[in-house]
Amino acid sequence: MGLGFRTSPTGGVAAPPYTNGPYIFSEQITFSNATLGGTEGDVWFVDGTNGKSTNTGQSWSEAMNTIQGAIDLAGAGDTIYITSKLIADFTGDPTSYAENVTITAGLNNLSLIGVCRGRTQGGLPQIKIGSGSTALLTVNAAGCLIANLGFNGISSTGGGILLDDDNSTKTAFGTSIINCHFKNCVGSTATNAATGGAIMWSAEGNAWQAYIGGNKFYKNVGDIVLLGTNNSVPQDVVIENNVFSGPAGSVDCNLYLAGGSGMNGLTIRNNVFPCFPALGGTNDNPFDLTGCVGILCNNFFGWPTNGAGVKAQGATGDDMNVPVTMIIAGNQGECDTELDTGIAFRTA
C-alpha cells in the first residue's frame, strides 16, 4: 500500500489495467493491488533489541534481530533499515551487533541504512565482534549503499569494511559509504596500515567507482587501505568530506593506497587530517599514494607544533608521500606555510 498522485498520460484519471505510463501525479490515490517495480525495492527492518529471528522482517513490529538475517531475506535493490540496540551498560560503548556481515554476490544495489541520531559512535547502530580475523562487513555485490552505521574493530584483526571483488564471481564496484563511524580498525599487523584498516580493497583490487564521503574515523591503524591490485587498479574513486583518525599515537597511515599499483582517477578533497601519524609503526605518514593518479585538493592538515607555533620536524622530516602524478591544489596547514607551496610533500 502507498499514497501518491496520478493521472493518465493524456490527463484523465488512471484506471485498471495500469499501464507503464509515464504518469503525471496530480491527485491522491491509494495503491492497494498494483505491483510497482516488480520484486525490487522491498524494505526490511532490523532491531537487535526487540526483533526475532522468526519474524518476517517486513515492519518494525516484525523486525529481524540480526543484520545478516535481513540480508538473507533481501533481494537486489532492497533497503534494510537498522536501529541501534538498547544501550544497557553505560560504559561509553554502544551495545553492538556482534556479527560478521556479508552482502552476498548478486544482491546488487542493496542499501544498509542505520537509523541515525548523529555521526557519533553512540548515535549509530554499531557492529563489533571482538576477537576475530574477518572484516566486520564484506561487500560482494555491486552498487551498494552503506550509510549511518558504526564499525568498532577492537580486538579484531579483520578490519572494518572489505570491498571484496574478484571481477568474476563477486564484485563491489559502485559502493557508496557515507556518514559512518569507524573506530579501532586494524589489519593483520597492529602497526602497519598496509595490512588493513577501516575501509579496505581486497588484494585483487577491482571495485571501481567507489564513493567514501562524510565519515568519521577515530583511532584506526589505517583508515582507507588498498591491499593490492592483483586483478585491476581501482579507478574513479572519490574520498571527500571525511574526518580522519587521530590521535597521532594511534595511527600508522590515514590513506594507504599504495598496495599493488595504486589507484587511477583518484579524488581526495575537502577532508580533515587532524594529526601527523606517529604510532611508531611502518608508515607514520598521513599518506602513501605511490602509483596513484588524480588530485589532492582543499584538504586541511593538523601539524605538531613547537613553542613558537611552527611545525616541529621529526628526525626524518614530516613530508607526505604523494607522487607527482597526483595534482596538489588548495590544501591548508595552519602551522606550516610550506604546505601551501607543496614543499612539504615528498615525491614517490
C-alpha atoms as a PDB file:
ATOM      1  CA  MET A   1       0.000   0.000   0.000  1.00  0.00           C
ATOM      2  CA  GLY A   2       1.168   3.524  -0.629  1.00  0.00           C
ATOM      3  CA  LEU A   3      -0.101   7.014  -1.313  1.00  0.00           C
ATOM      4  CA  GLY A   4       0.529   9.075  -4.424  1.00  0.00           C
ATOM      5  CA  PHE A   5      -0.918  11.359  -7.079  1.00  0.00           C
ATOM      6  CA  ARG A   6      -1.518  10.085 -10.575  1.00  0.00           C
ATOM      7  CA  THR A   7      -3.367  10.758 -13.820  1.00  0.00           C
ATOM      8  CA  SER A   8      -3.016   9.035 -17.145  1.00  0.00           C
ATOM      9  CA  PRO A   9      -0.562  10.271 -19.827  1.00  0.00           C
ATOM     10  CA  THR A  10      -3.441  12.087 -21.546  1.00  0.00           C
ATOM     11  CA  GLY A  11      -4.595  13.806 -18.366  1.00  0.00           C
ATOM     12  CA  GLY A  12      -7.515  11.555 -17.456  1.00  0.00           C
ATOM     13  CA  VAL A  13      -7.805   9.545 -14.286  1.00  0.00           C
ATOM     14  CA  ALA A  14      -5.813   6.315 -14.438  1.00  0.00           C
ATOM     15  CA  ALA A  15      -7.834   3.143 -14.169  1.00  0.00           C
ATOM     16  CA  PRO A  16      -7.110  -0.594 -14.389  1.00  0.00           C
ATOM     17  CA  PRO A  17      -5.352  -2.113 -16.157  1.00  0.00           C
ATOM     18  CA  TYR A  18      -2.463   0.100 -15.021  1.00  0.00           C
ATOM     19  CA  THR A  19      -0.004   0.548 -17.862  1.00  0.00           C
ATOM     20  CA  ASN A  20       3.585   1.670 -17.600  1.00  0.00           C
ATOM     21  CA  GLY A  21       2.802   5.347 -18.141  1.00  0.00           C
ATOM     22  CA  PRO A  22       4.516   7.733 -17.872  1.00  0.00           C
ATOM     23  CA  TYR A  23       2.013   9.114 -15.369  1.00  0.00           C
ATOM     24  CA  ILE A  24       1.623  12.627 -14.030  1.00  0.00           C
ATOM     25  CA  PHE A  25       0.871  12.531 -10.296  1.00  0.00           C
ATOM     26  CA  SER A  26      -1.822  15.129  -9.646  1.00  0.00           C
ATOM     27  CA  GLU A  27      -4.476  13.582  -7.451  1.00  0.00           C
ATOM     28  CA  GLN A  28      -4.293  11.479  -4.333  1.00  0.00           C
ATOM     29  CA  ILE A  29      -4.831   7.760  -4.809  1.00  0.00           C
ATOM     30  CA  THR A  30      -4.143   4.611  -2.839  1.00  0.00           C
ATOM     31  CA  PHE A  31      -2.308   1.662  -4.382  1.00  0.00           C
ATOM     32  CA  SER A  32      -3.871  -1.466  -2.961  1.00  0.00           C
ATOM     33  CA  ASN A  33      -3.494  -4.114  -5.641  1.00  0.00           C
ATOM     34  CA  ALA A  34      -0.957  -2.707  -8.076  1.00  0.00           C
ATOM     35  CA  THR A  35       2.576  -4.085  -8.097  1.00  0.00           C
ATOM     36  CA  LEU A  36       5.167  -1.351  -8.529  1.00  0.00           C
ATOM     37  CA  GLY A  37       8.719  -2.063  -9.648  1.00  0.00           C
ATOM     38  CA  GLY A  38       8.479  -5.844  -9.790  1.00  0.00           C
ATOM     39  CA  THR A  39      10.196  -7.625  -6.902  1.00  0.00           C
ATOM     40  CA  GLU A  40      12.866  -4.947  -6.462  1.00  0.00           C
ATOM     41  CA  GLY A  41      12.605  -2.254  -3.798  1.00  0.00           C
ATOM     42  CA  ASP A  42      11.338  -4.180  -0.778  1.00  0.00           C
ATOM     43  CA  VAL A  43      12.098  -2.766   2.666  1.00  0.00           C
ATOM     44  CA  TRP A  44      13.340  -4.791   5.636  1.00  0.00           C
ATOM     45  CA  PHE A  45      13.845  -3.898   9.290  1.00  0.00           C
ATOM     46  CA  VAL A  46      16.415  -4.881  11.940  1.00  0.00           C
ATOM     47  CA  ASP A  47      16.031  -4.302  15.675  1.00  0.00           C
ATOM     48  CA  GLY A  48      18.645  -6.112  17.708  1.00  0.00           C
ATOM     49  CA  THR A  49      16.816  -5.495  20.976  1.00  0.00           C
ATOM     50  CA  ASN A  50      13.195  -6.289  20.136  1.00  0.00           C
ATOM     51  CA  GLY A  51      13.458  -8.274  16.899  1.00  0.00           C
ATOM     52  CA  LYS A  52      13.319 -12.032  16.457  1.00  0.00           C
ATOM     53  CA  SER A  53      14.937 -14.432  14.004  1.00  0.00           C
ATOM     54  CA  THR A  54      11.500 -15.922  13.343  1.00  0.00           C
ATOM     55  CA  ASN A  55       9.909 -12.597  12.318  1.00  0.00           C
ATOM     56  CA  THR A  56       9.099 -11.653   8.732  1.00  0.00           C
ATOM     57  CA  GLY A  57      11.414  -8.621   8.808  1.00  0.00           C
ATOM     58  CA  GLN A  58       8.862  -6.529   6.896  1.00  0.00           C
ATOM     59  CA  SER A  59       7.994  -3.973   9.591  1.00  0.00           C
ATOM     60  CA  TRP A  60       9.409  -2.673  12.866  1.00  0.00           C
ATOM     61  CA  SER A  61       6.969  -4.836  14.799  1.00  0.00           C
ATOM     62  CA  GLU A  62       8.183  -7.844  12.770  1.00  0.00           C
ATOM     63  CA  ALA A  63      11.872  -6.818  12.680  1.00  0.00           C
ATOM     64  CA  MET A  64      14.734  -9.279  12.414  1.00  0.00           C
ATOM     65  CA  ASN A  65      17.220  -9.353  15.295  1.00  0.00           C
ATOM     66  CA  THR A  66      20.378  -9.568  13.132  1.00  0.00           C
ATOM     67  CA  ILE A  67      21.622  -7.643  10.121  1.00  0.00           C
ATOM     68  CA  GLN A  68      22.664 -10.814   8.316  1.00  0.00           C
ATOM     69  CA  GLY A  69      19.231 -12.293   8.886  1.00  0.00           C
ATOM     70  CA  ALA A  70      17.679  -9.387   6.998  1.00  0.00           C
ATOM     71  CA  ILE A  71      20.264  -9.605   4.213  1.00  0.00           C
ATOM     72  CA  ASP A  72      19.447 -13.285   3.781  1.00  0.00           C
ATOM     73  CA  LEU A  73      15.788 -12.344   3.202  1.00  0.00           C
ATOM     74  CA  ALA A  74      16.508  -9.395   0.916  1.00  0.00           C
ATOM     75  CA  GLY A  75      16.843  -9.246  -2.851  1.00  0.00           C
ATOM     76  CA  ALA A  76      18.691  -6.962  -5.231  1.00  0.00           C
ATOM     77  CA  GLY A  77      17.615  -3.340  -4.959  1.00  0.00           C
ATOM     78  CA  ASP A  78      16.117  -3.728  -1.491  1.00  0.00           C
ATOM     79  CA  THR A  79      16.645  -1.457   1.511  1.00  0.00           C
ATOM     80  CA  ILE A  80      17.407  -2.614   5.049  1.00  0.00           C
ATOM     81  CA  TYR A  81      16.860  -0.224   7.968  1.00  0.00           C
ATOM     82  CA  ILE A  82      18.802  -0.958  11.155  1.00  0.00           C
ATOM     83  CA  THR A  83      18.147   0.610  14.536  1.00  0.00           C
ATOM     84  CA  SER A  84      20.599   0.764  17.433  1.00  0.00           C
ATOM     85  CA  LYS A  85      20.452  -1.808  20.156  1.00  0.00           C
ATOM     86  CA  LEU A  86      19.276  -0.544  23.522  1.00  0.00           C
ATOM     87  CA  ILE A  87      22.299   0.785  25.415  1.00  0.00           C
ATOM     88  CA  ALA A  88      22.338  -1.094  28.702  1.00  0.00           C
ATOM     89  CA  ASP A  89      25.726  -0.786  30.415  1.00  0.00           C
ATOM     90  CA  PHE A  90      26.576   2.945  30.056  1.00  0.00           C
ATOM     91  CA  THR A  91      30.318   2.344  29.626  1.00  0.00           C
ATOM     92  CA  GLY A  92      30.687   4.714  26.689  1.00  0.00           C
ATOM     93  CA  ASP A  93      30.490   1.965  24.075  1.00  0.00           C
ATOM     94  CA  PRO A  94      27.126   1.213  22.409  1.00  0.00           C
ATOM     95  CA  THR A  95      25.586  -2.221  22.714  1.00  0.00           C
ATOM     96  CA  SER A  96      26.616  -3.748  19.411  1.00  0.00           C
ATOM     97  CA  TYR A  97      25.555  -6.160  16.706  1.00  0.00           C
ATOM     98  CA  ALA A  98      28.130  -8.878  17.357  1.00  0.00           C
ATOM     99  CA  GLU A  99      28.169 -10.381  13.878  1.00  0.00           C
ATOM    100  CA  ASN A 100      30.268 -10.558  10.737  1.00  0.00           C
ATOM    101  CA  VAL A 101      28.051  -9.322   7.930  1.00  0.00           C
ATOM    102  CA  THR A 102      28.310 -10.153   4.209  1.00  0.00           C
ATOM    103  CA  ILE A 103      26.408  -8.572   1.342  1.00  0.00           C
ATOM    104  CA  THR A 104      26.448 -11.666  -0.838  1.00  0.00           C
ATOM    105  CA  ALA A 105      27.093 -11.763  -4.569  1.00  0.00           C
ATOM    106  CA  GLY A 106      24.003 -10.936  -6.579  1.00  0.00           C
ATOM    107  CA  LEU A 107      22.437  -8.584  -4.037  1.00  0.00           C
ATOM    108  CA  ASN A 108      23.292  -5.624  -6.252  1.00  0.00           C
ATOM    109  CA  ASN A 109      22.076  -2.140  -5.283  1.00  0.00           C
ATOM    110  CA  LEU A 110      21.279  -3.229  -1.731  1.00  0.00           C
ATOM    111  CA  SER A 111      21.116  -0.428   0.869  1.00  0.00           C
ATOM    112  CA  LEU A 112      22.114  -0.888   4.511  1.00  0.00           C
ATOM    113  CA  ILE A 113      20.924   2.214   6.355  1.00  0.00           C
ATOM    114  CA  GLY A 114      21.205   2.806  10.069  1.00  0.00           C
ATOM    115  CA  VAL A 115      18.602   4.833  11.919  1.00  0.00           C
ATOM    116  CA  CYS A 116      20.805   7.850  12.509  1.00  0.00           C
ATOM    117  CA  ARG A 117      20.983  10.054  15.584  1.00  0.00           C
ATOM    118  CA  GLY A 118      24.129  11.876  14.528  1.00  0.00           C
ATOM    119  CA  ARG A 119      27.539  10.825  13.208  1.00  0.00           C
ATOM    120  CA  THR A 120      28.847   9.707  16.588  1.00  0.00           C
ATOM    121  CA  GLN A 121      29.740   6.318  17.975  1.00  0.00           C
ATOM    122  CA  GLY A 122      26.745   6.447  20.325  1.00  0.00           C
ATOM    123  CA  GLY A 123      24.339   7.763  17.705  1.00  0.00           C
ATOM    124  CA  LEU A 124      24.626   4.967  15.153  1.00  0.00           C
ATOM    125  CA  PRO A 125      23.930   1.210  15.164  1.00  0.00           C
ATOM    126  CA  GLN A 126      27.339  -0.368  15.768  1.00  0.00           C
ATOM    127  CA  ILE A 127      28.883  -3.633  14.571  1.00  0.00           C
ATOM    128  CA  LYS A 128      31.588  -5.061  16.844  1.00  0.00           C
ATOM    129  CA  ILE A 129      32.588  -8.713  17.074  1.00  0.00           C
ATOM    130  CA  GLY A 130      35.529  -8.577  19.474  1.00  0.00           C
ATOM    131  CA  SER A 131      38.018 -11.355  18.735  1.00  0.00           C
ATOM    132  CA  GLY A 132      38.132 -12.396  15.086  1.00  0.00           C
ATOM    133  CA  SER A 133      40.070 -12.106  11.822  1.00  0.00           C
ATOM    134  CA  THR A 134      37.237 -11.434   9.343  1.00  0.00           C
ATOM    135  CA  ALA A 135      36.053  -7.990   8.227  1.00  0.00           C
ATOM    136  CA  LEU A 136      33.032  -6.651  10.105  1.00  0.00           C
ATOM    137  CA  LEU A 137      31.257  -6.102   6.760  1.00  0.00           C
ATOM    138  CA  THR A 138      32.218  -7.716   3.448  1.00  0.00           C
ATOM    139  CA  VAL A 139      30.750  -6.406   0.189  1.00  0.00           C
ATOM    140  CA  ASN A 140      30.440  -8.888  -2.705  1.00  0.00           C
ATOM    141  CA  ALA A 141      27.758  -7.072  -4.734  1.00  0.00           C
ATOM    142  CA  ALA A 142      27.691  -4.012  -6.980  1.00  0.00           C
ATOM    143  CA  GLY A 143      26.185  -0.592  -6.378  1.00  0.00           C
ATOM    144  CA  CYS A 144      25.525  -0.999  -2.663  1.00  0.00           C
ATOM    145  CA  LEU A 145      24.935   1.830  -0.191  1.00  0.00           C
ATOM    146  CA  ILE A 146      26.261   1.641   3.369  1.00  0.00           C
ATOM    147  CA  ALA A 147      25.071   4.572   5.472  1.00  0.00           C
ATOM    148  CA  ASN A 148      24.755   5.648   9.100  1.00  0.00           C
ATOM    149  CA  LEU A 149      26.496   2.643  10.660  1.00  0.00           C
ATOM    150  CA  GLY A 150      29.270   2.303  13.246  1.00  0.00           C
ATOM    151  CA  PHE A 151      32.169  -0.141  12.990  1.00  0.00           C
ATOM    152  CA  ASN A 152      34.304  -0.904  16.052  1.00  0.00           C
ATOM    153  CA  GLY A 153      37.202  -3.229  15.320  1.00  0.00           C
ATOM    154  CA  ILE A 154      38.554  -3.528  18.867  1.00  0.00           C
ATOM    155  CA  SER A 155      40.253  -6.930  19.483  1.00  0.00           C
ATOM    156  CA  SER A 156      39.666  -7.909  15.831  1.00  0.00           C
ATOM    157  CA  THR A 157      42.245  -8.130  13.031  1.00  0.00           C
ATOM    158  CA  GLY A 158      39.881  -8.286  10.043  1.00  0.00           C
ATOM    159  CA  GLY A 159      39.295  -4.571   9.548  1.00  0.00           C
ATOM    160  CA  GLY A 160      36.016  -2.713   9.084  1.00  0.00           C
ATOM    161  CA  ILE A 161      34.512  -2.830   5.571  1.00  0.00           C
ATOM    162  CA  LEU A 162      36.112  -5.032   2.895  1.00  0.00           C
ATOM    163  CA  LEU A 163      35.370  -4.400  -0.793  1.00  0.00           C
ATOM    164  CA  ASP A 164      35.911  -7.992  -1.896  1.00  0.00           C
ATOM    165  CA  ASP A 165      35.859  -8.049  -5.698  1.00  0.00           C
ATOM    166  CA  ASP A 166      37.417 -10.768  -7.877  1.00  0.00           C
ATOM    167  CA  ASN A 167      35.882  -9.424 -11.120  1.00  0.00           C
ATOM    168  CA  SER A 168      34.322 -12.828 -11.702  1.00  0.00           C
ATOM    169  CA  THR A 169      32.092 -14.494  -9.102  1.00  0.00           C
ATOM    170  CA  LYS A 170      31.747 -11.446  -6.838  1.00  0.00           C
ATOM    171  CA  THR A 171      32.092  -7.708  -7.244  1.00  0.00           C
ATOM    172  CA  ALA A 172      31.940  -4.487  -5.236  1.00  0.00           C
ATOM    173  CA  PHE A 173      32.117  -1.725  -7.816  1.00  0.00           C
ATOM    174  CA  GLY A 174      29.939   1.332  -7.276  1.00  0.00           C
ATOM    175  CA  THR A 175      29.929   1.053  -3.473  1.00  0.00           C
ATOM    176  CA  SER A 176      28.981   4.197  -1.532  1.00  0.00           C
ATOM    177  CA  ILE A 177      29.963   4.516   2.135  1.00  0.00           C
ATOM    178  CA  ILE A 178      28.542   7.629   3.784  1.00  0.00           C
ATOM    179  CA  ASN A 179      28.016   9.087   7.253  1.00  0.00           C
ATOM    180  CA  CYS A 180      29.578   6.115   9.062  1.00  0.00           C
ATOM    181  CA  HIS A 181      31.811   5.977  12.148  1.00  0.00           C
ATOM    182  CA  PHE A 182      34.940   3.788  12.249  1.00  0.00           C
ATOM    183  CA  LYS A 183      36.985   3.088  15.375  1.00  0.00           C
ATOM    184  CA  ASN A 184      39.834   0.738  16.382  1.00  0.00           C
ATOM    185  CA  CYS A 185      40.042  -0.955  12.977  1.00  0.00           C
ATOM    186  CA  VAL A 186      43.259  -2.780  12.144  1.00  0.00           C
ATOM    187  CA  GLY A 187      44.517  -5.456   9.787  1.00  0.00           C
ATOM    188  CA  SER A 188      46.719  -8.457  10.428  1.00  0.00           C
ATOM    189  CA  THR A 189      49.582  -6.290  11.721  1.00  0.00           C
ATOM    190  CA  ALA A 190      48.787  -3.843  14.501  1.00  0.00           C
ATOM    191  CA  THR A 191      51.404  -1.289  13.454  1.00  0.00           C
ATOM    192  CA  ASN A 192      51.184  -1.441   9.644  1.00  0.00           C
ATOM    193  CA  ALA A 193      48.256   0.130   7.812  1.00  0.00           C
ATOM    194  CA  ALA A 194      49.264  -1.735   4.645  1.00  0.00           C
ATOM    195  CA  THR A 195      47.719  -4.896   6.139  1.00  0.00           C
ATOM    196  CA  GLY A 196      44.257  -3.456   6.734  1.00  0.00           C
ATOM    197  CA  GLY A 197      42.108  -0.815   8.346  1.00  0.00           C
ATOM    198  CA  ALA A 198      38.647   0.722   8.457  1.00  0.00           C
ATOM    199  CA  ILE A 199      37.786   0.547   4.722  1.00  0.00           C
ATOM    200  CA  MET A 200      39.770  -1.815   2.510  1.00  0.00           C
ATOM    201  CA  TRP A 201      40.048  -3.044  -1.044  1.00  0.00           C
ATOM    202  CA  SER A 202      40.952  -6.731  -1.297  1.00  0.00           C
ATOM    203  CA  ALA A 203      44.283  -7.868  -2.760  1.00  0.00           C
ATOM    204  CA  GLU A 204      42.612  -8.273  -6.167  1.00  0.00           C
ATOM    205  CA  GLY A 205      41.856  -4.549  -6.342  1.00  0.00           C
ATOM    206  CA  ASN A 206      38.938  -4.010  -8.755  1.00  0.00           C
ATOM    207  CA  ALA A 207      35.919  -2.345  -7.048  1.00  0.00           C
ATOM    208  CA  TRP A 208      35.917   0.726  -9.299  1.00  0.00           C
ATOM    209  CA  GLN A 209      33.680   3.801  -8.869  1.00  0.00           C
ATOM    210  CA  ALA A 210      33.693   3.841  -5.072  1.00  0.00           C
ATOM    211  CA  TYR A 211      32.483   6.841  -3.080  1.00  0.00           C
ATOM    212  CA  ILE A 212      33.592   7.425   0.528  1.00  0.00           C
ATOM    213  CA  GLY A 213      32.097  10.602   1.940  1.00  0.00           C
ATOM    214  CA  GLY A 214      31.119  12.278   5.189  1.00  0.00           C
ATOM    215  CA  ASN A 215      32.554   9.609   7.501  1.00  0.00           C
ATOM    216  CA  LYS A 216      34.300   9.951  10.874  1.00  0.00           C
ATOM    217  CA  PHE A 217      37.415   7.873  11.581  1.00  0.00           C
ATOM    218  CA  TYR A 218      38.993   7.514  15.030  1.00  0.00           C
ATOM    219  CA  LYS A 219      41.953   5.511  16.330  1.00  0.00           C
ATOM    220  CA  ASN A 220      42.240   3.260  13.282  1.00  0.00           C
ATOM    221  CA  VAL A 221      45.729   1.992  12.426  1.00  0.00           C
ATOM    222  CA  GLY A 222      44.711   2.581   8.798  1.00  0.00           C
ATOM    223  CA  ASP A 223      41.643   4.497   7.641  1.00  0.00           C
ATOM    224  CA  ILE A 224      41.396   3.658   3.919  1.00  0.00           C
ATOM    225  CA  VAL A 225      43.622   0.887   2.592  1.00  0.00           C
ATOM    226  CA  LEU A 226      44.323  -0.641  -0.807  1.00  0.00           C
ATOM    227  CA  LEU A 227      45.719  -4.107  -0.100  1.00  0.00           C
ATOM    228  CA  GLY A 228      46.647  -4.867  -3.707  1.00  0.00           C
ATOM    229  CA  THR A 229      45.809  -4.769  -7.416  1.00  0.00           C
ATOM    230  CA  ASN A 230      46.342  -8.361  -8.494  1.00  0.00           C
ATOM    231  CA  ASN A 231      43.456  -8.122 -10.984  1.00  0.00           C
ATOM    232  CA  SER A 232      42.955  -4.442 -11.802  1.00  0.00           C
ATOM    233  CA  VAL A 233      43.728  -0.968 -10.476  1.00  0.00           C
ATOM    234  CA  PRO A 234      40.652   0.663  -8.859  1.00  0.00           C
ATOM    235  CA  GLN A 235      39.510   3.711 -10.815  1.00  0.00           C
ATOM    236  CA  ASP A 236      37.191   6.673 -10.321  1.00  0.00           C
ATOM    237  CA  VAL A 237      37.399   6.680  -6.515  1.00  0.00           C
ATOM    238  CA  VAL A 238      36.196   9.753  -4.590  1.00  0.00           C
ATOM    239  CA  ILE A 239      37.194  10.372  -0.958  1.00  0.00           C
ATOM    240  CA  GLU A 240      35.690  13.607   0.342  1.00  0.00           C
ATOM    241  CA  ASN A 241      34.303  15.417   3.388  1.00  0.00           C
ATOM    242  CA  ASN A 242      35.697  12.905   5.890  1.00  0.00           C
ATOM    243  CA  VAL A 243      37.412  13.476   9.254  1.00  0.00           C
ATOM    244  CA  PHE A 244      40.312  11.055   9.525  1.00  0.00           C
ATOM    245  CA  SER A 245      41.876   9.337  12.516  1.00  0.00           C
ATOM    246  CA  GLY A 246      43.806  10.725  15.430  1.00  0.00           C
ATOM    247  CA  PRO A 247      45.361  10.973  17.926  1.00  0.00           C
ATOM    248  CA  ALA A 248      48.797  10.603  16.400  1.00  0.00           C
ATOM    249  CA  GLY A 249      49.903   7.757  18.647  1.00  0.00           C
ATOM    250  CA  SER A 250      47.058   5.538  17.438  1.00  0.00           C
ATOM    251  CA  VAL A 251      47.541   5.917  13.672  1.00  0.00           C
ATOM    252  CA  ASP A 252      50.089   4.477  11.228  1.00  0.00           C
ATOM    253  CA  CYS A 253      48.662   5.846   7.956  1.00  0.00           C
ATOM    254  CA  ASN A 254      45.351   7.538   7.169  1.00  0.00           C
ATOM    255  CA  LEU A 255      45.311   6.746   3.440  1.00  0.00           C
ATOM    256  CA  TYR A 256      47.477   3.806   2.438  1.00  0.00           C
ATOM    257  CA  LEU A 257      46.637   3.474  -1.250  1.00  0.00           C
ATOM    258  CA  ALA A 258      49.992   2.164  -2.461  1.00  0.00           C
ATOM    259  CA  GLY A 259      49.054  -1.517  -2.457  1.00  0.00           C
ATOM    260  CA  GLY A 260      49.916  -3.033  -5.830  1.00  0.00           C
ATOM    261  CA  SER A 261      49.853  -0.296  -8.475  1.00  0.00           C
ATOM    262  CA  GLY A 262      47.833   2.354  -6.649  1.00  0.00           C
ATOM    263  CA  MET A 263      44.611   3.957  -7.913  1.00  0.00           C
ATOM    264  CA  ASN A 264      43.714   5.835 -11.092  1.00  0.00           C
ATOM    265  CA  GLY A 265      41.249   8.719 -11.277  1.00  0.00           C
ATOM    266  CA  LEU A 266      41.520   9.319  -7.518  1.00  0.00           C
ATOM    267  CA  THR A 267      39.950  12.414  -5.933  1.00  0.00           C
ATOM    268  CA  ILE A 268      40.842  13.326  -2.328  1.00  0.00           C
ATOM    269  CA  ARG A 269      39.135  16.593  -1.441  1.00  0.00           C
ATOM    270  CA  ASN A 270      37.821  18.614   1.481  1.00  0.00           C
ATOM    271  CA  ASN A 271      38.920  16.198   4.203  1.00  0.00           C
ATOM    272  CA  VAL A 272      40.331  16.892   7.673  1.00  0.00           C
ATOM    273  CA  PHE A 273      43.568  15.189   8.773  1.00  0.00           C
ATOM    274  CA  PRO A 274      43.816  16.162  12.457  1.00  0.00           C
ATOM    275  CA  CYS A 275      47.312  14.860  13.187  1.00  0.00           C
ATOM    276  CA  PHE A 276      50.532  13.585  11.697  1.00  0.00           C
ATOM    277  CA  PRO A 277      50.507   9.805  12.452  1.00  0.00           C
ATOM    278  CA  ALA A 278      53.093   8.757  15.000  1.00  0.00           C
ATOM    279  CA  LEU A 279      52.218   5.214  16.049  1.00  0.00           C
ATOM    280  CA  GLY A 280      55.850   4.194  15.621  1.00  0.00           C
ATOM    281  CA  GLY A 281      54.817   1.670  13.015  1.00  0.00           C
ATOM    282  CA  THR A 282      55.758   1.019   9.395  1.00  0.00           C
ATOM    283  CA  ASN A 283      54.486   4.222   7.762  1.00  0.00           C
ATOM    284  CA  ASP A 284      53.882   7.048  10.286  1.00  0.00           C
ATOM    285  CA  ASN A 285      52.507   9.190   7.483  1.00  0.00           C
ATOM    286  CA  PRO A 286      49.101  10.607   6.532  1.00  0.00           C
ATOM    287  CA  PHE A 287      49.528   9.200   3.019  1.00  0.00           C
ATOM    288  CA  ASP A 288      51.208   6.651   0.902  1.00  0.00           C
ATOM    289  CA  LEU A 289      49.784   7.342  -2.547  1.00  0.00           C
ATOM    290  CA  THR A 290      52.553   5.671  -4.532  1.00  0.00           C
ATOM    291  CA  GLY A 291      51.280   4.766  -8.010  1.00  0.00           C
ATOM    292  CA  CYS A 292      48.101   6.858  -7.693  1.00  0.00           C
ATOM    293  CA  VAL A 293      46.903   9.277 -10.361  1.00  0.00           C
ATOM    294  CA  GLY A 294      44.438  12.046  -9.516  1.00  0.00           C
ATOM    295  CA  ILE A 295      44.033  15.174  -7.400  1.00  0.00           C
ATOM    296  CA  LEU A 296      44.566  16.116  -3.755  1.00  0.00           C
ATOM    297  CA  CYS A 297      42.785  19.393  -3.094  1.00  0.00           C
ATOM    298  CA  ASN A 298      41.161  21.595  -0.444  1.00  0.00           C
ATOM    299  CA  ASN A 299      42.163  19.377   2.477  1.00  0.00           C
ATOM    300  CA  PHE A 300      43.038  20.571   5.971  1.00  0.00           C
ATOM    301  CA  PHE A 301      46.038  19.206   7.876  1.00  0.00           C
ATOM    302  CA  GLY A 302      46.883  19.364  11.571  1.00  0.00           C
ATOM    303  CA  TRP A 303      50.580  19.567  12.434  1.00  0.00           C
ATOM    304  CA  PRO A 304      52.658  19.122  15.572  1.00  0.00           C
ATOM    305  CA  THR A 305      53.988  22.465  16.757  1.00  0.00           C
ATOM    306  CA  ASN A 306      56.838  23.751  18.889  1.00  0.00           C
ATOM    307  CA  GLY A 307      56.607  26.633  21.352  1.00  0.00           C
ATOM    308  CA  ALA A 308      56.935  29.179  18.555  1.00  0.00           C
ATOM    309  CA  GLY A 309      53.899  27.832  16.722  1.00  0.00           C
ATOM    310  CA  VAL A 310      55.980  26.356  13.903  1.00  0.00           C
ATOM    311  CA  LYS A 311      55.739  22.780  12.668  1.00  0.00           C
ATOM    312  CA  ALA A 312      58.142  20.567  14.600  1.00  0.00           C
ATOM    313  CA  GLN A 313      60.116  18.395  12.193  1.00  0.00           C
ATOM    314  CA  GLY A 314      60.788  14.808  13.161  1.00  0.00           C
ATOM    315  CA  ALA A 315      64.130  13.127  12.741  1.00  0.00           C
ATOM    316  CA  THR A 316      63.266  12.161   9.180  1.00  0.00           C
ATOM    317  CA  GLY A 317      61.008  15.137   8.447  1.00  0.00           C
ATOM    318  CA  ASP A 318      57.252  15.272   8.256  1.00  0.00           C
ATOM    319  CA  ASP A 319      56.904  15.013   4.493  1.00  0.00           C
ATOM    320  CA  MET A 320      53.877  13.299   2.957  1.00  0.00           C
ATOM    321  CA  ASN A 321      54.390  10.602   0.378  1.00  0.00           C
ATOM    322  CA  VAL A 322      52.492  11.944  -2.647  1.00  0.00           C
ATOM    323  CA  PRO A 323      53.670  11.194  -6.210  1.00  0.00           C
ATOM    324  CA  VAL A 324      53.991  13.754  -8.998  1.00  0.00           C
ATOM    325  CA  THR A 325      51.032  12.044 -10.724  1.00  0.00           C
ATOM    326  CA  MET A 326      48.750  13.491  -8.013  1.00  0.00           C
ATOM    327  CA  ILE A 327      47.898  17.138  -8.670  1.00  0.00           C
ATOM    328  CA  ILE A 328      48.068  19.164  -5.441  1.00  0.00           C
ATOM    329  CA  ALA A 329      45.958  22.313  -5.003  1.00  0.00           C
ATOM    330  CA  GLY A 330      44.459  24.456  -2.257  1.00  0.00           C
ATOM    331  CA  ASN A 331      45.465  22.392   0.794  1.00  0.00           C
ATOM    332  CA  GLN A 332      45.976  24.120   4.135  1.00  0.00           C
ATOM    333  CA  GLY A 333      48.019  23.542   7.274  1.00  0.00           C
ATOM    334  CA  GLU A 334      47.896  26.496   9.637  1.00  0.00           C
ATOM    335  CA  CYS A 335      51.247  25.853  11.306  1.00  0.00           C
ATOM    336  CA  ASP A 336      53.186  25.122   8.130  1.00  0.00           C
ATOM    337  CA  THR A 337      53.451  27.657   5.318  1.00  0.00           C
ATOM    338  CA  GLU A 338      55.445  25.087   3.329  1.00  0.00           C
ATOM    339  CA  LEU A 339      52.276  23.040   2.832  1.00  0.00           C
ATOM    340  CA  ASP A 340      50.712  25.767   0.713  1.00  0.00           C
ATOM    341  CA  THR A 341      53.650  25.676  -1.717  1.00  0.00           C
ATOM    342  CA  GLY A 342      53.827  21.904  -1.892  1.00  0.00           C
ATOM    343  CA  ILE A 343      57.312  21.698  -0.351  1.00  0.00           C
ATOM    344  CA  ALA A 344      56.022  19.513   2.476  1.00  0.00           C
ATOM    345  CA  PHE A 345      55.117  16.748   0.027  1.00  0.00           C
ATOM    346  CA  ARG A 346      57.700  14.136  -0.875  1.00  0.00           C
ATOM    347  CA  THR A 347      57.703  12.760  -4.427  1.00  0.00           C
ATOM    348  CA  ALA A 348      57.148   8.999  -4.509  1.00  0.00           C
END
